[in-house]
């Protein structure tokens, strides 16, 4: 029987907004949610987050407004720098096969703490192996660029070069997310909120 490895492993992930002190962690342990340290005024947005995400698994993160959910996702997407922690991705398990076929090497990725990697390496991993669907579509789309153009931009960042192949793939992905194919050249600004979200998913 083949052992199933996680696609993504996160250990000890934390984010503080402020200089921090030894009382910060104790305050979090007592109160449980993101809090402002009474000594130094630091806001502890995330503290000691750990999880494994396995193939075909969906992980839901639940919490009140201001509990750190968005900060956590921004850390995982390299939009913010963590204060502490590590993140490892297993190559071949999360779509890196396409990138590797295009000549992109992900050797050693499973042993590489991506939070400690160079900015170039993190961009490389994010462009090829990650995607994010923002609650507000204007954060994830260029609303005046066509729906197909939005998807093609992402494909270009991932190493695609043929305009014809990018358009074919964009049409395929938009169709899979139930965006009418005859609107591939329309700007998302003209779409409903639900359609804008589906264009994000395709992207």
N, C-alpha and C. Protein backbone atom coordinates (compact mmCIF):
# COMPACT_ATOMS: atom_id res chain seq x y z
N UNK A 1 0.85 -1.19 0.00
CA UNK A 1 0.00 0.00 0.00
C UNK A 1 0.89 1.25 0.00
N UNK A 2 0.58 2.17 -0.93
CA UNK A 2 1.38 3.38 -1.05
C UNK A 2 0.99 4.38 0.03
N UNK A 3 1.98 4.94 0.67
CA UNK A 3 1.73 5.93 1.71
C UNK A 3 1.33 7.25 1.05
N UNK A 4 0.25 7.84 1.54
CA UNK A 4 -0.21 9.13 1.02
C UNK A 4 0.50 10.25 1.76
N UNK A 5 1.18 11.09 0.99
CA UNK A 5 1.88 12.22 1.59
C UNK A 5 1.04 13.48 1.44
N UNK A 6 1.15 14.41 2.38
CA UNK A 6 0.40 15.65 2.23
C UNK A 6 0.91 16.49 1.07
N UNK A 7 0.01 17.21 0.43
CA UNK A 7 0.40 18.17 -0.60
C UNK A 7 1.11 19.36 0.02
N UNK A 8 0.63 19.72 1.21
CA UNK A 8 1.09 20.93 1.87
C UNK A 8 1.21 20.66 3.36
N UNK A 9 2.34 21.04 3.95
CA UNK A 9 2.54 20.90 5.39
C UNK A 9 2.96 22.26 5.96
N UNK A 10 2.27 22.68 6.99
CA UNK A 10 2.56 23.95 7.65
C UNK A 10 2.83 23.67 9.12
N UNK A 11 3.90 24.26 9.65
CA UNK A 11 4.27 24.04 11.04
C UNK A 11 4.64 25.37 11.72
N UNK A 12 4.08 25.59 12.89
CA UNK A 12 4.47 26.72 13.74
C UNK A 12 4.30 28.08 13.11
N UNK A 13 3.30 28.24 12.23
CA UNK A 13 3.15 29.49 11.49
C UNK A 13 2.58 30.59 12.38
N UNK A 14 3.24 31.73 12.37
CA UNK A 14 2.77 32.85 13.17
C UNK A 14 3.03 34.18 12.49
N UNK A 15 2.20 35.16 12.82
CA UNK A 15 2.37 36.50 12.29
C UNK A 15 2.02 37.51 13.38
N UNK A 16 3.00 38.39 13.67
CA UNK A 16 2.79 39.48 14.61
C UNK A 16 2.90 40.80 13.86
N UNK A 17 2.07 41.75 14.24
CA UNK A 17 2.18 43.11 13.73
C UNK A 17 2.67 43.97 14.90
N UNK A 18 3.97 44.21 14.93
CA UNK A 18 4.59 44.92 16.03
C UNK A 18 5.91 44.27 16.38
N UNK A 19 6.64 44.86 17.33
CA UNK A 19 7.98 44.36 17.65
C UNK A 19 7.96 43.06 18.42
N UNK A 20 6.89 42.78 19.17
CA UNK A 20 6.77 41.54 19.92
C UNK A 20 7.57 41.54 21.20
N UNK A 21 7.16 40.69 22.14
CA UNK A 21 7.88 40.50 23.40
C UNK A 21 7.52 39.13 23.96
N UNK A 22 8.12 38.77 25.08
CA UNK A 22 7.89 37.44 25.62
C UNK A 22 6.46 37.26 26.15
N UNK A 23 5.76 38.35 26.38
CA UNK A 23 4.39 38.24 26.89
C UNK A 23 3.37 37.96 25.78
N UNK A 24 3.73 38.22 24.53
CA UNK A 24 2.78 38.07 23.41
C UNK A 24 2.20 36.66 23.34
N UNK A 25 3.08 35.64 23.32
CA UNK A 25 2.63 34.26 23.19
C UNK A 25 1.79 33.84 24.38
N UNK A 26 2.15 34.27 25.58
CA UNK A 26 1.38 33.92 26.77
C UNK A 26 -0.02 34.52 26.69
N UNK A 27 -0.13 35.72 26.13
CA UNK A 27 -1.43 36.37 25.99
C UNK A 27 -2.30 35.59 25.03
N UNK A 28 -1.72 35.10 23.93
CA UNK A 28 -2.47 34.30 22.96
C UNK A 28 -2.96 33.02 23.60
N UNK A 29 -2.10 32.35 24.38
CA UNK A 29 -2.49 31.08 25.01
C UNK A 29 -3.66 31.29 25.96
N UNK A 30 -3.70 32.43 26.61
CA UNK A 30 -4.78 32.69 27.56
C UNK A 30 -6.09 33.04 26.86
N UNK A 31 -6.01 33.83 25.79
CA UNK A 31 -7.23 34.36 25.19
C UNK A 31 -7.66 33.63 23.92
N UNK A 32 -6.75 32.96 23.24
CA UNK A 32 -7.11 32.11 22.11
C UNK A 32 -7.20 32.79 20.77
N UNK A 33 -7.68 34.02 20.67
CA UNK A 33 -7.86 34.71 19.40
C UNK A 33 -6.78 35.77 19.21
N UNK A 34 -6.64 36.31 17.98
CA UNK A 34 -5.69 37.41 17.78
C UNK A 34 -5.96 38.53 18.78
N UNK A 35 -4.92 38.95 19.47
CA UNK A 35 -5.08 39.93 20.54
C UNK A 35 -3.95 40.95 20.47
N UNK A 36 -4.15 42.06 21.17
CA UNK A 36 -3.10 43.06 21.31
C UNK A 36 -2.39 42.82 22.63
N UNK A 37 -1.07 42.68 22.55
CA UNK A 37 -0.28 42.41 23.74
C UNK A 37 -0.37 43.62 24.69
N UNK A 38 -0.69 43.40 25.95
CA UNK A 38 -0.83 44.52 26.88
C UNK A 38 0.50 45.20 27.20
N UNK A 39 1.62 44.50 26.96
CA UNK A 39 2.91 45.11 27.29
C UNK A 39 3.45 45.94 26.14
N UNK A 40 3.55 45.34 24.92
CA UNK A 40 4.22 46.04 23.82
C UNK A 40 3.27 46.55 22.75
N UNK A 41 1.98 46.19 22.85
CA UNK A 41 1.00 46.67 21.87
C UNK A 41 0.98 45.89 20.57
N UNK A 42 1.79 44.84 20.46
CA UNK A 42 1.82 44.01 19.24
C UNK A 42 0.50 43.28 19.07
N UNK A 43 0.00 43.23 17.82
CA UNK A 43 -1.18 42.43 17.49
C UNK A 43 -0.69 41.07 16.99
N UNK A 44 -1.12 40.02 17.67
CA UNK A 44 -0.76 38.65 17.26
C UNK A 44 -1.90 38.13 16.39
N UNK A 45 -1.70 38.13 15.06
CA UNK A 45 -2.76 37.75 14.12
C UNK A 45 -2.89 36.24 13.98
N UNK A 46 -1.76 35.53 13.96
CA UNK A 46 -1.72 34.07 13.90
C UNK A 46 -0.63 33.60 14.84
N UNK A 47 -0.87 32.46 15.48
CA UNK A 47 0.14 31.94 16.40
C UNK A 47 0.16 30.42 16.35
N UNK A 48 1.32 29.85 16.00
CA UNK A 48 1.55 28.41 16.07
C UNK A 48 0.51 27.60 15.29
N UNK A 49 0.25 28.02 14.04
CA UNK A 49 -0.71 27.31 13.18
C UNK A 49 -0.02 26.10 12.56
N UNK A 50 -0.67 24.94 12.63
CA UNK A 50 -0.11 23.71 12.05
C UNK A 50 -1.22 22.93 11.37
N UNK A 51 -0.94 22.43 10.16
CA UNK A 51 -1.88 21.52 9.49
C UNK A 51 -1.19 20.83 8.32
N UNK A 52 -1.78 19.72 7.88
CA UNK A 52 -1.39 19.02 6.66
C UNK A 52 -2.61 18.99 5.75
N UNK A 53 -2.38 19.23 4.46
CA UNK A 53 -3.45 19.15 3.47
C UNK A 53 -3.11 18.01 2.52
N UNK A 54 -4.02 17.04 2.39
CA UNK A 54 -3.76 15.83 1.61
C UNK A 54 -4.47 15.89 0.25
N UNK A 55 -4.05 15.04 -0.69
CA UNK A 55 -4.69 15.01 -2.02
C UNK A 55 -6.20 14.83 -1.91
N UNK A 56 -6.92 15.59 -2.70
CA UNK A 56 -8.39 15.55 -2.79
C UNK A 56 -9.08 15.97 -1.50
N UNK A 57 -8.35 16.58 -0.59
CA UNK A 57 -8.94 17.06 0.66
C UNK A 57 -9.25 18.54 0.56
N UNK A 58 -10.35 18.95 1.17
CA UNK A 58 -10.72 20.35 1.27
C UNK A 58 -10.62 20.74 2.75
N UNK A 59 -9.87 21.76 3.03
CA UNK A 59 -9.68 22.21 4.41
C UNK A 59 -10.39 23.54 4.59
N UNK A 60 -11.31 23.58 5.53
CA UNK A 60 -12.03 24.82 5.83
C UNK A 60 -11.44 25.47 7.07
N UNK A 61 -11.29 26.78 7.04
CA UNK A 61 -10.78 27.54 8.19
C UNK A 61 -11.90 28.47 8.65
N UNK A 62 -12.37 28.27 9.86
CA UNK A 62 -13.55 28.96 10.36
C UNK A 62 -13.16 29.85 11.53
N UNK A 63 -13.71 31.05 11.57
CA UNK A 63 -13.45 31.94 12.69
C UNK A 63 -14.22 33.24 12.53
N UNK A 64 -14.30 33.96 13.61
CA UNK A 64 -15.00 35.25 13.59
C UNK A 64 -14.24 36.26 12.74
N UNK A 65 -14.92 37.33 12.39
CA UNK A 65 -14.27 38.43 11.69
C UNK A 65 -13.13 38.96 12.54
N UNK A 66 -11.95 39.10 11.94
CA UNK A 66 -10.79 39.58 12.66
C UNK A 66 -10.00 38.51 13.38
N UNK A 67 -10.36 37.23 13.14
CA UNK A 67 -9.68 36.15 13.87
C UNK A 67 -8.40 35.68 13.19
N UNK A 68 -8.06 36.25 12.03
CA UNK A 68 -6.79 35.92 11.40
C UNK A 68 -6.88 35.04 10.17
N UNK A 69 -8.07 34.74 9.68
CA UNK A 69 -8.23 33.86 8.52
C UNK A 69 -7.57 34.45 7.27
N UNK A 70 -7.86 35.71 6.99
CA UNK A 70 -7.29 36.34 5.80
C UNK A 70 -5.78 36.48 5.91
N UNK A 71 -5.29 36.81 7.10
CA UNK A 71 -3.84 36.91 7.30
C UNK A 71 -3.19 35.57 7.03
N UNK A 72 -3.79 34.49 7.52
CA UNK A 72 -3.24 33.15 7.30
C UNK A 72 -3.13 32.85 5.80
N UNK A 73 -4.18 33.13 5.04
CA UNK A 73 -4.14 32.86 3.60
C UNK A 73 -3.10 33.73 2.89
N UNK A 74 -2.96 34.97 3.33
CA UNK A 74 -1.95 35.84 2.71
C UNK A 74 -0.54 35.33 3.01
N UNK A 75 -0.33 34.76 4.18
CA UNK A 75 0.97 34.17 4.50
C UNK A 75 1.24 32.98 3.59
N UNK A 76 0.24 32.12 3.41
CA UNK A 76 0.42 30.92 2.59
C UNK A 76 0.64 31.27 1.12
N UNK A 77 0.11 32.42 0.69
CA UNK A 77 0.23 32.86 -0.70
C UNK A 77 1.42 33.79 -0.91
N UNK A 78 2.24 33.97 0.13
CA UNK A 78 3.43 34.82 0.09
C UNK A 78 3.10 36.29 -0.12
N UNK A 79 1.90 36.71 0.25
CA UNK A 79 1.56 38.13 0.18
C UNK A 79 2.04 38.89 1.41
N UNK A 80 2.32 38.15 2.49
CA UNK A 80 2.88 38.73 3.70
C UNK A 80 4.01 37.84 4.20
N UNK A 81 4.94 38.44 4.93
CA UNK A 81 6.04 37.69 5.51
C UNK A 81 5.64 37.17 6.89
N UNK A 82 5.82 35.88 7.15
CA UNK A 82 5.49 35.37 8.48
C UNK A 82 6.53 35.80 9.51
N UNK A 83 6.11 35.82 10.76
CA UNK A 83 7.04 36.07 11.86
C UNK A 83 7.78 34.78 12.23
N UNK A 84 7.09 33.64 12.07
CA UNK A 84 7.67 32.34 12.41
C UNK A 84 6.97 31.27 11.59
N UNK A 85 7.63 30.10 11.47
CA UNK A 85 6.98 28.95 10.87
C UNK A 85 7.64 28.45 9.60
N UNK A 86 7.11 27.34 9.11
CA UNK A 86 7.63 26.70 7.90
C UNK A 86 6.48 26.17 7.06
N UNK A 87 6.73 26.07 5.75
CA UNK A 87 5.75 25.52 4.82
C UNK A 87 6.49 24.70 3.77
N UNK A 88 5.98 23.48 3.54
CA UNK A 88 6.58 22.58 2.58
C UNK A 88 5.51 22.08 1.61
N UNK A 89 5.86 22.05 0.32
CA UNK A 89 4.97 21.52 -0.71
C UNK A 89 5.63 20.30 -1.32
N UNK A 90 4.83 19.24 -1.53
CA UNK A 90 5.37 18.02 -2.14
C UNK A 90 5.26 18.16 -3.66
N UNK A 91 6.37 18.12 -4.39
CA UNK A 91 6.32 18.27 -5.86
C UNK A 91 5.61 17.08 -6.50
N UNK A 92 4.96 17.36 -7.63
CA UNK A 92 4.26 16.30 -8.35
C UNK A 92 2.86 16.07 -7.85
N UNK A 93 2.56 16.57 -6.65
CA UNK A 93 1.25 16.30 -6.06
C UNK A 93 0.26 17.42 -6.30
N UNK A 94 0.74 18.61 -6.59
CA UNK A 94 -0.16 19.76 -6.67
C UNK A 94 -0.09 20.46 -8.01
N UNK A 95 0.15 19.70 -9.09
CA UNK A 95 0.13 20.30 -10.41
C UNK A 95 1.49 20.68 -10.95
N UNK A 96 2.56 20.30 -10.25
CA UNK A 96 3.89 20.67 -10.72
C UNK A 96 4.31 19.85 -11.93
N UNK A 97 3.54 18.79 -12.25
CA UNK A 97 3.87 17.97 -13.42
C UNK A 97 3.86 18.81 -14.70
N UNK A 98 2.89 19.71 -14.82
CA UNK A 98 2.81 20.58 -16.02
C UNK A 98 4.01 21.52 -16.07
N UNK A 99 4.35 22.09 -14.92
CA UNK A 99 5.49 23.01 -14.87
C UNK A 99 6.79 22.27 -15.18
N UNK A 100 6.93 21.05 -14.65
CA UNK A 100 8.15 20.29 -14.89
C UNK A 100 8.25 19.88 -16.36
N UNK A 101 7.09 19.62 -16.98
CA UNK A 101 7.09 19.28 -18.40
C UNK A 101 7.55 20.46 -19.24
N UNK A 102 7.31 21.67 -18.72
CA UNK A 102 7.74 22.88 -19.42
C UNK A 102 9.18 23.24 -19.10
N UNK A 103 9.86 22.37 -18.35
CA UNK A 103 11.27 22.60 -18.07
C UNK A 103 11.55 23.25 -16.73
N UNK A 104 10.53 23.37 -15.89
CA UNK A 104 10.70 24.00 -14.58
C UNK A 104 11.05 22.93 -13.56
N UNK A 105 12.14 23.12 -12.85
CA UNK A 105 12.58 22.11 -11.88
C UNK A 105 12.04 22.42 -10.49
N UNK A 106 11.48 21.39 -9.86
CA UNK A 106 11.03 21.52 -8.49
C UNK A 106 11.73 20.49 -7.61
N UNK A 107 12.94 20.11 -8.00
CA UNK A 107 13.73 19.18 -7.21
C UNK A 107 13.97 19.76 -5.82
N UNK A 108 13.80 18.93 -4.81
CA UNK A 108 14.09 19.35 -3.45
C UNK A 108 13.01 20.19 -2.80
N UNK A 109 11.88 20.37 -3.48
CA UNK A 109 10.84 21.24 -2.94
C UNK A 109 10.29 20.71 -1.62
N UNK A 110 10.16 19.38 -1.51
CA UNK A 110 9.58 18.80 -0.29
C UNK A 110 10.47 19.04 0.93
N UNK A 111 11.76 19.31 0.72
CA UNK A 111 12.67 19.55 1.83
C UNK A 111 12.97 21.04 2.04
N UNK A 112 12.32 21.90 1.25
CA UNK A 112 12.64 23.32 1.27
C UNK A 112 11.56 24.12 1.99
N UNK A 113 11.93 24.76 3.10
CA UNK A 113 11.00 25.65 3.79
C UNK A 113 10.79 26.88 2.91
N UNK A 114 9.61 26.98 2.34
CA UNK A 114 9.38 28.03 1.36
C UNK A 114 9.34 29.42 1.98
N UNK A 115 9.08 29.51 3.27
CA UNK A 115 9.12 30.83 3.92
C UNK A 115 10.55 31.36 4.00
N UNK A 116 11.53 30.44 3.94
CA UNK A 116 12.93 30.85 3.99
C UNK A 116 13.55 30.96 2.60
N UNK A 117 12.77 30.65 1.55
CA UNK A 117 13.28 30.68 0.19
C UNK A 117 13.40 32.11 -0.33
N UNK A 118 14.13 32.27 -1.43
CA UNK A 118 14.28 33.59 -2.04
C UNK A 118 12.95 34.08 -2.61
N UNK A 119 12.85 35.38 -2.82
CA UNK A 119 11.64 35.95 -3.41
C UNK A 119 11.37 35.37 -4.79
N UNK A 120 12.45 35.13 -5.55
CA UNK A 120 12.29 34.53 -6.88
C UNK A 120 11.69 33.12 -6.78
N UNK A 121 12.20 32.33 -5.84
CA UNK A 121 11.72 30.96 -5.66
C UNK A 121 10.25 30.95 -5.25
N UNK A 122 9.89 31.86 -4.34
CA UNK A 122 8.49 31.91 -3.91
C UNK A 122 7.57 32.32 -5.06
N UNK A 123 8.01 33.29 -5.87
CA UNK A 123 7.20 33.68 -7.04
C UNK A 123 7.05 32.50 -8.00
N UNK A 124 8.14 31.76 -8.18
CA UNK A 124 8.14 30.59 -9.06
C UNK A 124 7.09 29.57 -8.60
N UNK A 125 7.10 29.27 -7.32
CA UNK A 125 6.17 28.30 -6.75
C UNK A 125 4.74 28.83 -6.82
N UNK A 126 4.55 30.10 -6.46
CA UNK A 126 3.19 30.66 -6.47
C UNK A 126 2.62 30.68 -7.88
N UNK A 127 3.41 31.09 -8.86
CA UNK A 127 2.91 31.19 -10.24
C UNK A 127 2.54 29.84 -10.82
N UNK A 128 3.24 28.78 -10.39
CA UNK A 128 3.02 27.47 -11.01
C UNK A 128 2.14 26.53 -10.21
N UNK A 129 2.09 26.70 -8.89
CA UNK A 129 1.41 25.71 -8.06
C UNK A 129 0.27 26.27 -7.21
N UNK A 130 0.06 27.57 -7.19
CA UNK A 130 -0.95 28.14 -6.30
C UNK A 130 -1.95 29.00 -7.06
N UNK A 131 -3.10 29.16 -6.45
CA UNK A 131 -4.10 30.09 -6.95
C UNK A 131 -4.90 30.59 -5.78
N UNK A 132 -5.46 31.76 -5.90
CA UNK A 132 -6.28 32.31 -4.83
C UNK A 132 -7.51 32.97 -5.43
N UNK A 133 -8.66 32.76 -4.80
CA UNK A 133 -9.92 33.38 -5.22
C UNK A 133 -10.31 34.35 -4.13
N UNK A 134 -10.22 35.64 -4.44
CA UNK A 134 -10.49 36.67 -3.45
C UNK A 134 -12.00 36.87 -3.27
N UNK A 135 -12.38 37.22 -2.05
CA UNK A 135 -13.79 37.49 -1.78
C UNK A 135 -14.26 38.68 -2.62
N UNK A 136 -13.40 39.67 -2.78
CA UNK A 136 -13.71 40.82 -3.64
C UNK A 136 -13.04 40.59 -5.00
N UNK A 137 -13.80 40.35 -6.07
CA UNK A 137 -13.21 40.01 -7.36
C UNK A 137 -12.21 41.03 -7.89
N UNK A 138 -12.37 42.33 -7.53
CA UNK A 138 -11.45 43.34 -8.06
C UNK A 138 -10.02 43.12 -7.57
N UNK A 139 -9.85 42.34 -6.49
CA UNK A 139 -8.50 42.04 -6.01
C UNK A 139 -7.84 40.93 -6.83
N UNK A 140 -8.65 40.09 -7.48
CA UNK A 140 -8.10 38.96 -8.21
C UNK A 140 -8.19 39.06 -9.72
N UNK A 141 -8.84 40.11 -10.22
CA UNK A 141 -9.03 40.26 -11.66
C UNK A 141 -8.64 41.66 -12.10
N UNK A 142 -8.24 41.75 -13.35
CA UNK A 142 -8.13 43.05 -14.01
C UNK A 142 -9.45 43.25 -14.74
N UNK A 143 -10.30 44.08 -14.17
CA UNK A 143 -11.70 44.15 -14.60
C UNK A 143 -11.88 44.72 -15.99
N UNK A 144 -10.87 45.45 -16.51
CA UNK A 144 -10.99 46.01 -17.86
C UNK A 144 -10.27 45.18 -18.91
N UNK A 145 -9.67 44.05 -18.49
CA UNK A 145 -9.05 43.10 -19.41
C UNK A 145 -10.04 41.97 -19.64
N UNK A 146 -10.10 41.42 -20.84
CA UNK A 146 -11.09 40.39 -21.16
C UNK A 146 -10.96 39.20 -20.21
N UNK A 147 -12.04 38.43 -20.10
CA UNK A 147 -12.03 37.22 -19.26
C UNK A 147 -10.92 36.28 -19.72
N UNK A 148 -10.83 36.07 -21.04
CA UNK A 148 -9.77 35.21 -21.57
C UNK A 148 -8.39 35.77 -21.31
N UNK A 149 -8.27 37.10 -21.39
CA UNK A 149 -6.99 37.74 -21.13
C UNK A 149 -6.54 37.58 -19.68
N UNK A 150 -7.49 37.62 -18.74
CA UNK A 150 -7.16 37.40 -17.34
C UNK A 150 -6.57 36.01 -17.12
N UNK A 151 -7.19 35.01 -17.72
CA UNK A 151 -6.67 33.63 -17.58
C UNK A 151 -5.33 33.52 -18.30
N UNK A 152 -5.22 34.11 -19.49
CA UNK A 152 -3.97 34.03 -20.26
C UNK A 152 -2.81 34.67 -19.52
N UNK A 153 -3.06 35.75 -18.77
CA UNK A 153 -1.99 36.37 -17.99
C UNK A 153 -1.38 35.38 -17.01
N UNK A 154 -2.24 34.59 -16.39
CA UNK A 154 -1.76 33.61 -15.42
C UNK A 154 -0.97 32.51 -16.13
N UNK A 155 -1.47 32.08 -17.28
CA UNK A 155 -0.76 31.06 -18.06
C UNK A 155 0.61 31.57 -18.50
N UNK A 156 0.67 32.84 -18.89
CA UNK A 156 1.93 33.44 -19.30
C UNK A 156 2.93 33.43 -18.14
N UNK A 157 2.45 33.77 -16.94
CA UNK A 157 3.31 33.77 -15.76
C UNK A 157 3.79 32.37 -15.43
N UNK A 158 3.00 31.36 -15.83
CA UNK A 158 3.36 29.97 -15.55
C UNK A 158 4.22 29.35 -16.65
N UNK A 159 4.61 30.16 -17.64
CA UNK A 159 5.55 29.67 -18.64
C UNK A 159 4.97 29.36 -20.02
N UNK A 160 3.66 29.52 -20.21
CA UNK A 160 3.08 29.29 -21.53
C UNK A 160 3.52 30.41 -22.47
N UNK A 161 3.71 30.08 -23.76
CA UNK A 161 4.18 31.09 -24.72
C UNK A 161 3.33 31.18 -25.99
N UNK A 162 2.63 30.11 -26.34
CA UNK A 162 1.82 30.11 -27.56
C UNK A 162 0.49 30.81 -27.32
N UNK A 163 0.23 31.88 -28.08
CA UNK A 163 -1.01 32.63 -27.92
C UNK A 163 -2.21 31.73 -28.22
N UNK A 164 -2.11 30.92 -29.26
CA UNK A 164 -3.21 30.03 -29.62
C UNK A 164 -3.50 29.01 -28.54
N UNK A 165 -2.45 28.44 -27.94
CA UNK A 165 -2.63 27.46 -26.86
C UNK A 165 -3.20 28.11 -25.62
N UNK A 166 -2.76 29.34 -25.33
CA UNK A 166 -3.30 30.04 -24.16
C UNK A 166 -4.78 30.35 -24.34
N UNK A 167 -5.16 30.76 -25.55
CA UNK A 167 -6.58 31.05 -25.79
C UNK A 167 -7.41 29.78 -25.71
N UNK A 168 -6.88 28.68 -26.25
CA UNK A 168 -7.61 27.40 -26.18
C UNK A 168 -7.80 26.98 -24.73
N UNK A 169 -6.72 27.08 -23.92
CA UNK A 169 -6.80 26.68 -22.52
C UNK A 169 -7.73 27.61 -21.74
N UNK A 170 -7.68 28.91 -22.01
CA UNK A 170 -8.56 29.86 -21.34
C UNK A 170 -10.02 29.53 -21.63
N UNK A 171 -10.31 29.22 -22.89
CA UNK A 171 -11.69 28.86 -23.26
C UNK A 171 -12.14 27.60 -22.53
N UNK A 172 -11.24 26.63 -22.44
CA UNK A 172 -11.55 25.38 -21.75
C UNK A 172 -11.85 25.63 -20.26
N UNK A 173 -11.02 26.45 -19.62
CA UNK A 173 -11.20 26.70 -18.19
C UNK A 173 -12.44 27.55 -17.91
N UNK A 174 -12.70 28.53 -18.76
CA UNK A 174 -13.91 29.34 -18.58
C UNK A 174 -15.16 28.49 -18.77
N UNK A 175 -15.12 27.58 -19.74
CA UNK A 175 -16.26 26.70 -19.96
C UNK A 175 -16.48 25.78 -18.75
N UNK A 176 -15.39 25.29 -18.17
CA UNK A 176 -15.50 24.41 -17.00
C UNK A 176 -16.06 25.14 -15.79
N UNK A 177 -15.87 26.44 -15.72
CA UNK A 177 -16.41 27.22 -14.60
C UNK A 177 -17.73 27.91 -14.98
N UNK A 178 -18.32 27.47 -16.08
CA UNK A 178 -19.66 27.91 -16.51
C UNK A 178 -19.74 29.40 -16.84
N UNK A 179 -18.64 29.90 -17.42
CA UNK A 179 -18.67 31.24 -18.01
C UNK A 179 -18.97 31.04 -19.50
N UNK A 180 -20.04 31.63 -20.03
CA UNK A 180 -20.39 31.42 -21.44
C UNK A 180 -19.20 31.72 -22.35
N UNK A 181 -18.87 30.79 -23.23
CA UNK A 181 -17.67 30.91 -24.06
C UNK A 181 -17.76 32.10 -25.01
N UNK A 182 -18.98 32.51 -25.34
CA UNK A 182 -19.11 33.68 -26.23
C UNK A 182 -18.79 34.99 -25.51
N UNK A 183 -18.45 34.90 -24.22
CA UNK A 183 -18.07 36.11 -23.48
C UNK A 183 -16.58 36.12 -23.13
N UNK A 184 -15.81 35.27 -23.78
CA UNK A 184 -14.38 35.18 -23.51
C UNK A 184 -13.66 36.50 -23.75
N UNK A 185 -14.17 37.30 -24.70
CA UNK A 185 -13.52 38.57 -25.02
C UNK A 185 -14.15 39.77 -24.31
N UNK A 186 -15.12 39.50 -23.41
CA UNK A 186 -15.75 40.58 -22.66
C UNK A 186 -14.97 40.85 -21.37
N UNK A 187 -14.99 42.10 -20.94
CA UNK A 187 -14.31 42.47 -19.70
C UNK A 187 -15.14 42.04 -18.50
N UNK A 188 -14.51 41.50 -17.44
CA UNK A 188 -15.26 41.08 -16.25
C UNK A 188 -16.06 42.21 -15.59
N UNK A 189 -15.69 43.46 -15.89
CA UNK A 189 -16.46 44.58 -15.34
C UNK A 189 -17.92 44.49 -15.75
N UNK A 190 -18.19 43.85 -16.90
CA UNK A 190 -19.56 43.75 -17.41
C UNK A 190 -20.27 42.50 -16.90
N UNK A 191 -19.61 41.70 -16.06
CA UNK A 191 -20.18 40.45 -15.57
C UNK A 191 -20.87 40.66 -14.22
N UNK A 192 -21.72 39.71 -13.88
CA UNK A 192 -22.31 39.69 -12.54
C UNK A 192 -21.22 39.31 -11.53
N UNK A 193 -21.50 39.52 -10.24
CA UNK A 193 -20.54 39.16 -9.20
C UNK A 193 -20.20 37.68 -9.22
N UNK A 194 -21.21 36.84 -9.44
CA UNK A 194 -20.97 35.40 -9.49
C UNK A 194 -20.10 35.00 -10.66
N UNK A 195 -20.32 35.63 -11.82
CA UNK A 195 -19.49 35.33 -12.99
C UNK A 195 -18.06 35.81 -12.78
N UNK A 196 -17.90 36.96 -12.12
CA UNK A 196 -16.55 37.43 -11.83
C UNK A 196 -15.80 36.43 -10.95
N UNK A 197 -16.50 35.85 -9.97
CA UNK A 197 -15.86 34.85 -9.12
C UNK A 197 -15.47 33.62 -9.93
N UNK A 198 -16.30 33.23 -10.90
CA UNK A 198 -16.00 32.06 -11.71
C UNK A 198 -14.80 32.31 -12.63
N UNK A 199 -14.66 33.56 -13.10
CA UNK A 199 -13.48 33.89 -13.90
C UNK A 199 -12.22 33.78 -13.02
N UNK A 200 -12.33 34.22 -11.75
CA UNK A 200 -11.21 34.05 -10.83
C UNK A 200 -10.83 32.58 -10.67
N UNK A 201 -11.84 31.72 -10.53
CA UNK A 201 -11.59 30.29 -10.36
C UNK A 201 -10.89 29.73 -11.60
N UNK A 202 -11.36 30.13 -12.79
CA UNK A 202 -10.70 29.71 -14.02
C UNK A 202 -9.26 30.18 -14.06
N UNK A 203 -9.02 31.40 -13.62
CA UNK A 203 -7.67 31.96 -13.60
C UNK A 203 -6.79 31.21 -12.62
